[in-house]
Amino acid sequence: MSLPGGTRTATDGYPVGLSGMLARCRPALFASLLVSLFLTLSVLAVPIYMMQIYDRVLSSRSLPTLLWLTVIVLGMLAIHGVLYFARSMVHQRLGEWLGEKLGEIAIPATVARTLRDGSASSQSLRDANELRGFLAGRSVPTAMEMLWTPLFFLVLFLLHPAYGLIGLGGAVMLAGLGIVNEIVSHRSLVAASDASVRAHQHIGAAVRNAEIVEALGIVDRIVARWRLANGEAALLARRGHLRAESIAAASRALRLSLQVLLIAIGAALIIERVVGPGTLFAAMMVLGRALAPYEHLIEGWKQWLSAWAALRRMRALEEEEEGRTRVRLDLPVPSGPLEIDRVVFVPQGATRPTVRGVSVTVHPGEVLAIKGPSGAGKSTLARLIMGVWKPNSGAIRLDGHDVWQWSRPAFGRMAGYLPQQVALFDGTIADNIARLGDAPAAAVVAAARRADVHGLIGRLPNGYDTEISDPGFLLTGGQRQRIGLARALFGDPRLLVLDEPDANLDQAGSEALLAAIDAARTGGAIVIVISHRNTLLSVADKILEMKDGAAVRVENVVDQRVAQIVGRTAPALARSRA
């Protein structure tokens, strides 16, 4: 379903994505706005009470009147407390809901951005938390209270026009200070936020390369680069903060001055017997309540700017992902071949393709070995086969369906992947083999046995429950690779892609790998192996040789073996017939 102009909508009529999430917040925000109206009206009970005490109770000396007025006002204040708490809970729950939904956008988009350009960062999650805290905090209710301040000004005018003019003039001046605050501090605070993001990226890059940083002793240079980026962010933040604080101080002084002016004018009106003494006390309380939202909005302007910057980055992140949406239909388990059809891929920011016009077909029960020198595009082709990246032209189809368009959860359930650089998740070994899912123990053990890592796991401190997250149990490169192989074999995948799977394996590990490949092939899986070693190449049915991103040769090893067998047996058959 779509709206005019091409905006996609969900089944409930709301737009899809970030716009839809914000639109779903409107009913709750409208309810909060109505509650703010009742809170404003209930606050007026105290000034009216004060005025009645001075103008009626003290002059009449009526204790019953005092009693009933007090009971009524206390009841109004009790209702005020209940409404205030209810509004706070609405914003708290709304902030939690929005933070969770924004995380559902931020995490996949961050993963996709990392795959495209390697810019791994948790900034989008920080932005989601920023918006969650903003919506759950006091900034939005304060703005809603400001919308109902005309009621306070009306009460001031009813008490006396002079009171009303003071309140209205003060609101105009405070609003003007708010506009000045936006003009002088907005750019500095937004730029400071962006500079802080860049400073965090420097630290993130250092953490990802901690081993080389420590080995080469360049941590001081990392600190220097961070200090430079952080200094820029601090300078911009200090500049914006000083401007904002100076305006906040001016607004506070202005509000106090207005109260003094109101007291002076009220005293003059009382002396002239124009108004009663109760109106002065009531006007003082109403004026404070009328101007408080304006002052709080100026003081909390930084939160508005930070939330706006976070929303701007979230929208930019979402726009990057537009047009990259994959289908959500769960296709059945494939039974057809893998077709690599004239695939061309150019990495983001590059000018030359790393894969150029590669074509090959692999049928179920076959093993395709890919070989070639470093930089030939082998690992890139493996990522394309797994649907991690989308080809610029051509297509890779499994059972007739484009692997990139395939629903990721459905594709993951029937595919196995062992990348060249094995990465394990924080958690137990069982969690890693089960791909962070709730799987039966028998399925986890079966995958470990196929990778011949069951005995190795049993020798670890806690077996399958051994934590491998920092500061958990540390694994060697070979152990990590064999556990990664067990993860790839989990669930009897129909497509198995192994990138340099024997790089860190000993003799026993290599034999287990060959047995696992043979078992997968016998079970009807399509197996793709990238390797330089003849041991793995010898079990292949087809060999694809790559150089400079292109396929220079495709050998059908099965046909060659059949030809060799026929060549060896033909003379013997001829002699037996003779």
Protein backbone atom coordinates (compact mmCIF):
# COMPACT_ATOMS: atom_id res chain seq x y z
CA MET A 1 0.00 0.00 0.00
CA SER A 2 1.28 3.52 -0.71
CA LEU A 3 0.33 7.12 -0.08
CA PRO A 4 0.24 9.87 -2.72
CA GLY A 5 3.77 10.65 -3.72
CA GLY A 6 4.96 7.08 -3.36
CA THR A 7 5.26 6.88 0.43
CA ARG A 8 4.95 3.25 1.49
CA THR A 9 2.44 2.43 4.21
CA ALA A 10 1.94 -0.55 6.50
CA THR A 11 -1.26 -2.53 6.83
CA ASP A 12 -2.47 -0.20 9.62
CA GLY A 13 -2.26 2.82 7.32
CA TYR A 14 0.83 4.39 8.88
CA PRO A 15 3.93 5.09 6.75
CA VAL A 16 6.68 2.50 6.85
CA GLY A 17 9.92 3.17 8.71
CA LEU A 18 10.90 6.10 10.90
CA SER A 19 8.03 8.30 9.70
CA GLY A 20 5.55 5.57 10.59
CA MET A 21 7.02 5.18 14.09
CA LEU A 22 6.75 8.91 14.75
CA ALA A 23 3.21 8.93 13.37
CA ARG A 24 2.24 6.12 15.78
CA CYS A 25 3.37 8.36 18.66
CA ARG A 26 0.79 11.03 17.82
CA PRO A 27 -2.21 9.52 19.70
CA ALA A 28 -0.17 9.23 22.91
CA LEU A 29 1.23 12.74 22.47
CA PHE A 30 -2.28 14.10 21.88
CA ALA A 31 -3.44 12.40 25.09
CA SER A 32 -0.48 13.95 26.90
CA LEU A 33 -1.46 17.34 25.52
CA LEU A 34 -5.00 16.97 26.92
CA VAL A 35 -3.61 15.88 30.28
CA SER A 36 -1.39 18.97 30.25
CA LEU A 37 -4.54 21.08 29.86
CA PHE A 38 -6.08 19.55 33.01
CA LEU A 39 -2.78 19.97 34.85
CA THR A 40 -2.78 23.65 33.91
CA LEU A 41 -6.35 24.09 35.16
CA SER A 42 -5.60 22.25 38.40
CA VAL A 43 -2.59 24.49 39.05
CA LEU A 44 -4.93 27.50 39.00
CA ALA A 45 -6.64 26.11 42.09
CA VAL A 46 -3.85 27.34 44.39
CA PRO A 47 -3.84 31.01 43.23
CA ILE A 48 -7.64 31.10 43.41
CA TYR A 49 -7.45 29.57 46.89
CA MET A 50 -4.99 32.24 48.01
CA MET A 51 -7.20 34.99 46.65
CA GLN A 52 -10.30 33.59 48.42
CA ILE A 53 -8.40 33.30 51.69
CA TYR A 54 -7.34 36.96 51.65
CA ASP A 55 -10.51 38.44 50.21
CA ARG A 56 -13.19 36.28 51.92
CA VAL A 57 -12.03 34.08 54.75
CA LEU A 58 -9.88 36.64 56.58
CA SER A 59 -12.53 39.33 56.29
CA SER A 60 -15.46 37.07 57.25
CA ARG A 61 -13.54 34.95 59.79
CA SER A 62 -15.57 31.93 58.57
CA LEU A 63 -13.91 28.65 59.55
CA PRO A 64 -16.38 26.45 57.60
CA THR A 65 -15.56 28.40 54.43
CA LEU A 66 -11.85 27.91 55.12
CA LEU A 67 -12.41 24.19 55.70
CA TRP A 68 -14.35 23.57 52.51
CA LEU A 69 -12.01 25.70 50.39
CA THR A 70 -9.07 23.73 51.75
CA VAL A 71 -10.77 20.38 51.09
CA ILE A 72 -11.59 21.38 47.51
CA VAL A 73 -8.07 22.59 46.78
CA LEU A 74 -6.47 19.50 48.33
CA GLY A 75 -8.71 17.37 46.16
CA MET A 76 -7.65 19.30 43.07
CA LEU A 77 -3.98 18.89 44.02
CA ALA A 78 -4.49 15.14 44.50
CA ILE A 79 -5.97 14.96 41.00
CA HIS A 80 -3.01 17.05 39.79
CA GLY A 81 -0.56 14.53 41.26
CA VAL A 82 -2.34 11.56 39.68
CA LEU A 83 -2.46 13.25 36.26
CA TYR A 84 1.19 14.30 36.52
CA PHE A 85 2.24 10.73 37.33
CA ALA A 86 0.07 9.32 34.54
CA ARG A 87 1.59 11.73 32.00
CA SER A 88 5.09 10.79 33.12
CA MET A 89 4.28 7.10 32.67
CA VAL A 90 2.88 7.77 29.19
CA HIS A 91 6.09 9.47 28.12
CA GLN A 92 8.23 6.81 29.78
CA ARG A 93 6.45 3.97 28.00
CA LEU A 94 6.37 5.94 24.76
CA GLY A 95 10.12 6.55 24.99
CA GLU A 96 10.78 2.85 25.68
CA TRP A 97 8.61 1.82 22.73
CA LEU A 98 10.25 4.29 20.35
CA GLY A 99 13.74 3.33 21.52
CA GLU A 100 12.99 -0.34 20.86
CA LYS A 101 11.54 0.36 17.40
CA LEU A 102 14.41 2.67 16.48
CA GLY A 103 16.82 -0.10 17.49
CA GLU A 104 15.08 -2.35 14.97
CA ILE A 105 15.99 0.22 12.30
CA ALA A 106 19.41 1.16 13.64
CA ILE A 107 20.95 -2.31 14.06
CA PRO A 108 20.19 -3.68 10.56
CA ALA A 109 21.12 -0.35 8.96
CA THR A 110 24.40 -0.24 10.90
CA VAL A 111 25.21 -3.80 9.83
CA ALA A 112 24.44 -2.91 6.20
CA ARG A 113 26.58 0.24 6.36
CA THR A 114 29.45 -1.73 7.88
CA LEU A 115 29.23 -4.25 5.06
CA ARG A 116 29.26 -1.50 2.44
CA ASP A 117 32.03 0.79 3.63
CA GLY A 118 33.43 -0.77 6.82
CA SER A 119 32.32 2.19 8.99
CA ALA A 120 31.32 0.13 12.00
CA SER A 121 29.84 2.42 14.65
CA SER A 122 27.23 2.25 17.37
CA GLN A 123 26.28 5.89 16.80
CA SER A 124 22.85 4.95 15.47
CA LEU A 125 22.09 3.09 18.70
CA ARG A 126 23.25 6.12 20.70
CA ASP A 127 20.92 8.24 18.57
CA ALA A 128 18.06 5.85 19.31
CA ASN A 129 18.79 6.15 23.04
CA GLU A 130 19.01 9.93 22.70
CA LEU A 131 15.53 10.08 21.17
CA ARG A 132 14.19 7.62 23.73
CA GLY A 133 15.50 9.74 26.61
CA PHE A 134 14.21 12.93 25.00
CA LEU A 135 10.69 11.58 24.64
CA ALA A 136 10.71 10.05 28.12
CA GLY A 137 12.06 13.20 29.77
CA ARG A 138 10.62 16.60 30.66
CA SER A 139 11.35 18.46 27.43
CA VAL A 140 8.18 17.47 25.53
CA PRO A 141 5.75 17.94 28.48
CA THR A 142 7.28 21.36 29.12
CA ALA A 143 6.60 22.38 25.53
CA MET A 144 3.01 21.14 25.89
CA GLU A 145 2.55 23.16 29.07
CA MET A 146 3.73 26.22 27.18
CA LEU A 147 0.90 25.75 24.67
CA TRP A 148 -1.64 26.22 27.48
CA THR A 149 0.01 29.31 29.04
CA PRO A 150 -2.58 31.61 27.36
CA LEU A 151 -4.96 30.40 30.08
CA PHE A 152 -2.61 31.89 32.70
CA PHE A 153 -2.45 35.17 30.81
CA LEU A 154 -6.26 35.24 30.64
CA VAL A 155 -6.43 34.82 34.43
CA LEU A 156 -3.90 37.64 34.88
CA PHE A 157 -6.00 39.94 32.70
CA LEU A 158 -9.10 39.01 34.71
CA LEU A 159 -7.29 39.91 37.93
CA HIS A 160 -6.21 43.24 36.43
CA PRO A 161 -5.06 44.34 32.94
CA ALA A 162 -1.74 45.52 34.38
CA TYR A 163 -0.99 41.99 35.59
CA GLY A 164 -1.89 40.60 32.20
CA LEU A 165 0.33 43.05 30.34
CA ILE A 166 3.31 42.20 32.55
CA GLY A 167 2.80 38.47 31.99
CA LEU A 168 2.25 38.80 28.24
CA GLY A 169 5.24 41.11 27.83
CA GLY A 170 7.42 38.73 29.80
CA ALA A 171 6.36 35.78 27.65
CA VAL A 172 7.16 37.71 24.48
CA MET A 173 10.61 38.65 25.78
CA LEU A 174 11.37 35.09 26.89
CA ALA A 175 10.22 33.75 23.54
CA GLY A 176 12.53 36.26 21.87
CA LEU A 177 15.41 34.99 24.00
CA GLY A 178 14.52 31.47 22.90
CA ILE A 179 14.78 32.51 19.25
CA VAL A 180 18.11 34.20 19.92
CA ASN A 181 19.27 31.03 21.68
CA GLU A 182 18.40 28.99 18.59
CA ILE A 183 20.27 31.40 16.32
CA VAL A 184 23.48 31.69 18.34
CA SER A 185 23.86 28.15 19.72
CA HIS A 186 22.18 25.77 17.26
CA ARG A 187 25.02 25.52 14.77
CA SER A 188 27.72 25.16 17.42
CA LEU A 189 25.89 22.43 19.36
CA VAL A 190 25.00 20.42 16.24
CA ALA A 191 28.59 20.70 14.97
CA ALA A 192 29.84 19.65 18.42
CA SER A 193 27.59 16.58 18.28
CA ASP A 194 28.94 15.59 14.86
CA ALA A 195 32.53 16.17 15.99
CA SER A 196 31.92 13.98 19.03
CA VAL A 197 30.71 11.21 16.72
CA ARG A 198 33.97 11.45 14.74
CA ALA A 199 35.99 11.27 17.96
CA HIS A 200 34.17 8.08 18.95
CA GLN A 201 34.88 6.63 15.51
CA HIS A 202 38.63 7.08 16.11
CA ILE A 203 38.36 5.05 19.31
CA GLY A 204 36.19 2.44 17.60
CA ALA A 205 38.80 1.96 14.86
CA ALA A 206 41.53 1.55 17.47
CA VAL A 207 39.52 -1.04 19.39
CA ARG A 208 38.88 -3.05 16.23
CA ASN A 209 42.62 -3.08 15.56
CA ALA A 210 43.76 -3.41 19.16
CA GLU A 211 46.28 -6.15 18.38
CA ILE A 212 48.18 -4.18 15.75
CA VAL A 213 47.96 -1.01 17.86
CA GLU A 214 49.59 -2.76 20.80
CA ALA A 215 52.10 -4.71 18.71
CA LEU A 216 53.40 -1.65 16.84
CA GLY A 217 53.25 0.62 19.88
CA ILE A 218 51.11 3.29 18.22
CA VAL A 219 48.59 3.78 21.01
CA ASP A 220 50.04 7.25 21.69
CA ARG A 221 49.28 8.21 18.10
CA ILE A 222 45.73 6.95 18.46
CA VAL A 223 45.41 9.06 21.61
CA ALA A 224 46.78 12.08 19.75
CA ARG A 225 44.26 11.69 16.93
CA TRP A 226 41.44 11.25 19.42
CA ARG A 227 42.63 14.28 21.42
CA LEU A 228 42.54 16.40 18.26
CA ALA A 229 39.01 15.27 17.33
CA ASN A 230 37.78 15.48 20.92
CA GLY A 231 39.31 18.94 21.31
CA GLU A 232 37.39 20.16 18.29
CA ALA A 233 34.17 18.73 19.71
CA ALA A 234 34.87 20.24 23.15
CA LEU A 235 35.59 23.67 21.68
CA LEU A 236 32.36 23.70 19.69
CA ALA A 237 30.39 22.37 22.66
CA ARG A 238 31.91 24.96 25.02
CA ARG A 239 31.12 27.76 22.58
CA GLY A 240 27.51 26.67 22.19
CA HIS A 241 27.16 25.94 25.91
CA LEU A 242 28.43 29.40 26.92
CA ARG A 243 26.02 31.09 24.54
CA ALA A 244 23.11 28.98 25.71
CA GLU A 245 23.94 29.47 29.40
CA SER A 246 24.30 33.23 29.02
CA ILE A 247 20.83 33.40 27.49
CA ALA A 248 19.45 31.09 30.19
CA ALA A 249 20.93 33.37 32.87
CA ALA A 250 19.36 36.39 31.16
CA SER A 251 15.98 34.65 31.06
CA ARG A 252 16.15 33.83 34.78
CA ALA A 253 17.05 37.40 35.66
CA LEU A 254 14.23 38.65 33.43
CA ARG A 255 11.66 36.40 35.12
CA LEU A 256 12.71 37.54 38.60
CA SER A 257 12.62 41.17 37.47
CA LEU A 258 9.09 40.70 36.15
CA GLN A 259 7.98 39.31 39.49
CA VAL A 260 9.46 42.33 41.27
CA LEU A 261 7.70 44.63 38.81
CA LEU A 262 4.41 42.81 39.34
CA ILE A 263 4.76 43.14 43.14
CA ALA A 264 5.44 46.88 42.82
CA ILE A 265 2.46 47.48 40.53
CA GLY A 266 0.24 45.23 42.64
CA ALA A 267 1.18 47.11 45.80
CA ALA A 268 0.36 50.41 44.09
CA LEU A 269 -3.02 49.07 42.98
CA ILE A 270 -3.78 47.85 46.53
CA ILE A 271 -2.81 51.24 47.98
CA GLU A 272 -5.17 52.92 45.51
CA ARG A 273 -7.83 50.32 46.51
CA VAL A 274 -8.21 49.20 42.90
CA VAL A 275 -7.72 45.51 43.76
CA GLY A 276 -7.74 43.45 46.90
CA PRO A 277 -4.57 42.06 48.55
CA GLY A 278 -5.46 38.52 47.47
CA THR A 279 -5.09 39.39 43.78
CA LEU A 280 -1.42 40.28 44.28
CA PHE A 281 -0.55 36.89 45.77
CA ALA A 282 -2.62 35.11 43.16
CA ALA A 283 -1.00 37.11 40.34
CA MET A 284 2.48 36.29 41.65
CA MET A 285 1.76 32.56 41.58
CA VAL A 286 0.06 32.65 38.18
CA LEU A 287 2.90 34.70 36.67
CA GLY A 288 5.48 32.20 37.92
CA ARG A 289 3.53 29.30 36.42
CA ALA A 290 2.96 31.17 33.13
CA LEU A 291 6.63 31.99 32.55
CA ALA A 292 8.16 28.76 33.91
CA PRO A 293 7.69 26.73 30.67
CA TYR A 294 9.44 29.42 28.62
CA GLU A 295 12.40 29.50 30.98
CA HIS A 296 12.62 25.70 31.15
CA LEU A 297 12.47 25.50 27.37
CA ILE A 298 15.41 27.88 27.07
CA GLU A 299 17.41 25.95 29.67
CA GLY A 300 16.57 22.63 28.02
CA TRP A 301 17.19 23.83 24.47
CA LYS A 302 20.32 21.70 24.27
CA GLN A 303 18.18 18.56 24.65
CA TRP A 304 15.99 19.69 21.76
CA LEU A 305 19.04 20.31 19.57
CA SER A 306 20.61 16.97 20.49
CA ALA A 307 17.35 15.15 19.75
CA TRP A 308 17.02 16.97 16.43
CA ALA A 309 20.58 16.04 15.45
CA ALA A 310 19.92 12.40 16.41
CA LEU A 311 16.70 12.38 14.38
CA ARG A 312 18.53 13.90 11.42
CA ARG A 313 21.18 11.16 11.53
CA MET A 314 18.53 8.45 11.87
CA ARG A 315 16.69 9.81 8.82
CA ALA A 316 19.95 9.90 6.84
CA LEU A 317 20.67 6.31 7.86
CA GLU A 318 17.19 5.24 6.79
CA GLU A 319 17.51 7.06 3.46
CA GLU A 320 20.74 5.18 2.77
CA GLU A 321 18.82 1.92 3.07
CA GLU A 322 15.94 2.95 0.80
CA GLY A 323 15.94 0.77 -2.28
CA ARG A 324 17.98 -1.91 -0.51
CA THR A 325 15.00 -3.67 1.05
CA ARG A 326 14.98 -7.42 0.63
CA VAL A 327 11.85 -9.49 0.20
CA ARG A 328 10.34 -10.94 3.35
CA LEU A 329 8.74 -14.02 1.79
CA ASP A 330 10.16 -17.21 3.26
CA LEU A 331 10.97 -19.35 0.22
CA PRO A 332 11.06 -23.15 0.55
CA VAL A 333 14.26 -25.13 0.98
CA PRO A 334 16.03 -24.99 -2.39
CA SER A 335 16.51 -28.09 -4.50
CA GLY A 336 17.94 -26.54 -7.67
CA PRO A 337 21.42 -25.36 -8.68
CA LEU A 338 23.43 -22.30 -7.77
CA GLU A 339 23.84 -20.11 -10.87
CA ILE A 340 26.49 -17.38 -10.94
CA ASP A 341 25.51 -15.39 -14.01
CA ARG A 342 27.95 -12.76 -15.36
CA VAL A 343 28.43 -11.17 -11.96
CA VAL A 344 30.17 -7.78 -11.71
CA PHE A 345 30.82 -6.05 -8.39
CA VAL A 346 32.45 -2.68 -7.68
CA PRO A 347 32.98 -1.87 -3.97
CA GLN A 348 31.68 1.44 -2.69
CA GLY A 349 34.23 4.17 -3.34
CA ALA A 350 36.24 2.05 -5.78
CA THR A 351 36.60 2.65 -9.52
CA ARG A 352 37.58 -0.86 -10.61
CA PRO A 353 35.48 -4.01 -10.13
CA THR A 354 36.78 -6.74 -7.84
CA VAL A 355 34.61 -9.32 -9.62
CA ARG A 356 34.27 -9.10 -13.40
CA GLY A 357 31.79 -11.18 -15.38
CA VAL A 358 32.14 -14.45 -13.46
CA SER A 359 29.76 -17.25 -14.52
CA VAL A 360 29.53 -20.81 -13.25
CA THR A 361 26.78 -23.27 -12.25
CA VAL A 362 26.98 -25.67 -9.30
CA HIS A 363 24.39 -28.41 -8.84
CA PRO A 364 23.30 -30.02 -5.56
CA GLY A 365 25.80 -32.64 -4.44
CA GLU A 366 28.71 -30.85 -6.14
CA VAL A 367 31.78 -29.15 -4.68
CA LEU A 368 33.09 -26.01 -6.38
CA ALA A 369 36.65 -25.05 -5.44
CA ILE A 370 37.74 -21.44 -6.10
CA LYS A 371 41.44 -20.72 -6.34
CA GLY A 372 43.63 -17.85 -7.39
CA PRO A 373 46.22 -15.38 -6.08
CA SER A 374 45.54 -12.88 -3.31
CA GLY A 375 43.33 -10.03 -4.47
CA ALA A 376 41.74 -12.13 -7.21
CA GLY A 377 38.24 -11.48 -5.82
CA LYS A 378 37.62 -14.90 -4.26
CA SER A 379 36.36 -13.68 -0.88
CA THR A 380 34.29 -11.00 -2.59
CA LEU A 381 32.62 -13.67 -4.70
CA ALA A 382 31.94 -15.71 -1.53
CA ARG A 383 30.17 -12.71 0.04
CA LEU A 384 28.14 -12.21 -3.12
CA ILE A 385 27.13 -15.88 -3.11
CA MET A 386 25.94 -15.52 0.49
CA GLY A 387 23.92 -12.42 -0.38
CA VAL A 388 26.05 -10.20 1.87
CA TRP A 389 26.65 -7.79 -1.01
CA LYS A 390 24.55 -7.05 -4.06
CA PRO A 391 26.18 -7.33 -7.52
CA ASN A 392 26.30 -4.18 -9.63
CA SER A 393 25.26 -6.29 -12.59
CA GLY A 394 24.49 -9.92 -13.22
CA ALA A 395 22.88 -12.15 -10.61
CA ILE A 396 23.49 -15.10 -8.33
CA ARG A 397 20.48 -17.38 -8.14
CA LEU A 398 19.81 -20.35 -5.92
CA ASP A 399 17.01 -22.57 -7.15
CA GLY A 400 16.05 -19.75 -9.53
CA HIS A 401 15.82 -17.00 -6.87
CA ASP A 402 18.25 -14.11 -6.39
CA VAL A 403 20.23 -14.78 -3.19
CA TRP A 404 20.43 -11.06 -2.33
CA GLN A 405 16.67 -10.68 -2.48
CA TRP A 406 16.12 -13.79 -0.38
CA SER A 407 14.67 -13.22 3.08
CA ARG A 408 17.69 -13.22 5.40
CA PRO A 409 16.20 -15.40 8.18
CA ALA A 410 14.99 -17.98 5.64
CA PHE A 411 18.28 -17.90 3.75
CA GLY A 412 20.27 -18.25 6.96
CA ARG A 413 18.34 -21.33 8.03
CA MET A 414 19.42 -23.29 4.94
CA ALA A 415 22.90 -21.81 4.38
CA GLY A 416 26.23 -22.16 6.14
CA TYR A 417 29.13 -19.71 5.93
CA LEU A 418 32.67 -19.76 7.26
CA PRO A 419 34.41 -16.44 6.45
CA GLN A 420 38.15 -16.05 6.09
CA GLN A 421 38.32 -14.09 9.35
CA VAL A 422 36.31 -16.14 11.83
CA ALA A 423 34.35 -13.96 14.27
CA LEU A 424 32.55 -15.46 17.25
CA PHE A 425 29.82 -13.79 19.28
CA ASP A 426 29.84 -12.97 22.96
CA GLY A 427 28.25 -15.95 24.68
CA THR A 428 28.80 -19.65 25.14
CA ILE A 429 30.19 -22.05 22.56
CA ALA A 430 26.73 -23.61 22.30
CA ASP A 431 25.26 -20.16 21.54
CA ASN A 432 27.78 -19.66 18.76
CA ILE A 433 27.23 -23.05 17.14
CA ALA A 434 23.43 -22.56 17.36
CA ARG A 435 23.80 -19.09 15.74
CA LEU A 436 22.45 -17.41 18.90
CA GLY A 437 19.18 -19.32 18.62
CA ASP A 438 17.34 -21.61 21.00
CA ALA A 439 18.30 -24.95 19.48
CA PRO A 440 18.05 -28.46 20.93
CA ALA A 441 21.27 -29.67 22.50
CA ALA A 442 21.26 -32.67 20.14
CA ALA A 443 21.40 -30.39 17.09
CA VAL A 444 24.32 -28.42 18.57
CA VAL A 445 26.25 -31.59 19.40
CA ALA A 446 25.53 -33.05 15.96
CA ALA A 447 27.03 -29.97 14.26
CA ALA A 448 30.06 -30.15 16.56
CA ARG A 449 30.56 -33.82 15.75
CA ARG A 450 30.40 -33.14 11.99
CA ALA A 451 33.16 -30.58 12.47
CA ASP A 452 35.01 -33.04 14.74
CA VAL A 453 35.16 -30.44 17.49
CA HIS A 454 33.01 -32.27 20.06
CA GLY A 455 36.01 -33.73 21.89
CA LEU A 456 37.87 -30.40 21.82
CA ILE A 457 34.86 -28.65 23.39
CA GLY A 458 34.68 -31.31 26.06
CA ARG A 459 38.21 -30.41 27.19
CA LEU A 460 37.32 -26.74 27.71
CA PRO A 461 36.61 -25.51 31.27
CA ASN A 462 32.80 -25.66 30.99
CA GLY A 463 32.31 -27.63 27.80
CA TYR A 464 29.57 -26.23 25.60
CA ASP A 465 28.76 -23.65 28.30
CA THR A 466 32.24 -22.13 28.11
CA GLU A 467 31.99 -18.36 27.72
CA ILE A 468 34.18 -17.09 24.89
CA SER A 469 33.43 -13.41 25.36
CA ASP A 470 35.98 -11.09 26.87
CA PRO A 471 37.09 -11.74 29.62
CA GLY A 472 35.97 -15.30 28.96
CA PHE A 473 37.97 -18.27 27.82
CA LEU A 474 40.40 -17.46 25.00
CA LEU A 475 40.51 -19.75 21.97
CA THR A 476 43.34 -20.39 19.53
CA GLY A 477 42.94 -19.60 15.85
CA GLY A 478 42.43 -23.27 14.99
CA GLN A 479 39.83 -23.73 17.72
CA ARG A 480 37.92 -20.67 16.57
CA GLN A 481 37.99 -21.91 12.98
CA ARG A 482 36.66 -25.35 13.90
CA ILE A 483 33.89 -23.86 16.04
CA GLY A 484 33.10 -21.55 13.11
CA LEU A 485 32.92 -24.63 10.89
CA ALA A 486 30.48 -26.27 13.33
CA ARG A 487 28.36 -23.11 13.15
CA ALA A 488 28.42 -23.28 9.35
CA LEU A 489 27.36 -26.94 9.42
CA PHE A 490 24.58 -26.37 11.96
CA GLY A 491 21.16 -27.33 10.64
CA ASP A 492 22.34 -29.38 7.63
CA PRO A 493 22.63 -26.40 5.23
CA ARG A 494 21.80 -26.84 1.55
CA LEU A 495 24.39 -24.20 0.60
CA LEU A 496 27.79 -24.27 2.30
CA VAL A 497 30.40 -21.58 1.58
CA LEU A 498 33.83 -22.03 3.19
CA ASP A 499 36.46 -19.31 2.72
CA GLU A 500 39.98 -20.60 3.47
CA PRO A 501 38.55 -23.11 5.99
CA ASP A 502 41.90 -24.85 6.51
CA ALA A 503 44.02 -21.77 7.13
CA ASN A 504 44.58 -22.51 10.84
CA LEU A 505 43.91 -26.26 10.98
CA ASP A 506 46.30 -29.02 11.91
CA GLN A 507 46.30 -32.48 10.31
CA ALA A 508 43.38 -33.73 12.42
CA GLY A 509 41.38 -30.59 11.70
CA SER A 510 42.04 -30.89 7.95
CA GLU A 511 40.85 -34.50 7.95
CA ALA A 512 37.70 -33.49 9.83
CA LEU A 513 37.11 -30.72 7.30
CA LEU A 514 37.39 -33.11 4.36
CA ALA A 515 34.98 -35.52 6.05
CA ALA A 516 32.49 -32.69 6.68
CA ILE A 517 32.66 -31.55 3.04
CA ASP A 518 32.16 -35.11 1.81
CA ALA A 519 29.19 -35.61 4.14
CA ALA A 520 27.60 -32.34 3.00
CA ARG A 521 28.07 -33.30 -0.65
CA THR A 522 26.64 -36.76 -0.04
CA GLY A 523 23.63 -35.15 1.63
CA GLY A 524 22.91 -33.14 -1.53
CA ALA A 525 24.33 -29.78 -0.44
CA ILE A 526 26.03 -27.29 -2.73
CA VAL A 527 29.54 -26.73 -1.36
CA ILE A 528 31.76 -23.76 -2.27
CA VAL A 529 35.35 -23.95 -1.02
CA ILE A 530 38.01 -21.25 -1.38
CA SER A 531 41.50 -22.61 -0.88
CA HIS A 532 45.06 -22.69 -2.23
CA ARG A 533 45.80 -26.20 -0.94
CA ASN A 534 45.71 -29.20 -3.22
CA THR A 535 44.11 -31.28 -0.45
CA LEU A 536 40.83 -29.39 -0.74
CA LEU A 537 41.11 -28.94 -4.48
CA SER A 538 41.34 -32.70 -4.87
CA VAL A 539 37.81 -33.23 -3.52
CA ALA A 540 36.24 -30.68 -5.86
CA ASP A 541 33.90 -31.55 -8.71
CA LYS A 542 34.57 -28.19 -10.37
CA ILE A 543 37.45 -25.73 -10.04
CA LEU A 544 37.07 -22.02 -10.74
CA GLU A 545 40.36 -20.17 -11.15
CA MET A 546 40.21 -16.38 -10.72
CA LYS A 547 42.66 -13.59 -11.49
CA ASP A 548 42.07 -9.84 -11.21
CA GLY A 549 38.40 -10.51 -10.48
CA ALA A 550 37.76 -12.53 -13.63
CA ALA A 551 37.29 -16.25 -14.17
CA VAL A 552 40.30 -17.37 -16.20
CA ARG A 553 39.43 -21.05 -16.17
CA VAL A 554 36.60 -23.38 -15.12
CA GLU A 555 37.50 -27.06 -14.93
CA ASN A 556 34.99 -29.86 -14.65
CA VAL A 557 37.05 -32.26 -12.57
CA VAL A 558 34.40 -35.01 -12.69
CA ASP A 559 34.53 -35.14 -16.47
CA GLN A 560 38.32 -35.27 -16.36
CA ARG A 561 38.23 -38.11 -13.84
CA VAL A 562 35.75 -40.02 -15.95
CA ALA A 563 37.92 -39.48 -19.01
CA GLN A 564 40.99 -40.70 -17.10
CA ILE A 565 39.13 -43.79 -15.90
CA VAL A 566 37.89 -44.51 -19.41
CA GLY A 567 41.39 -43.94 -20.77
CA ARG A 568 42.86 -46.44 -18.32
CA THR A 569 40.17 -49.08 -18.79
CA ALA A 570 39.76 -48.86 -22.59
CA PRO A 571 43.00 -50.77 -23.47
CA ALA A 572 42.16 -53.52 -20.99
CA LEU A 573 38.68 -53.89 -22.44
CA ALA A 574 40.12 -54.03 -25.96
CA ARG A 575 42.60 -56.76 -24.98
CA SER A 576 39.87 -58.79 -23.23
CA ARG A 577 37.69 -58.65 -26.35
CA ALA A 578 40.61 -59.65 -28.53
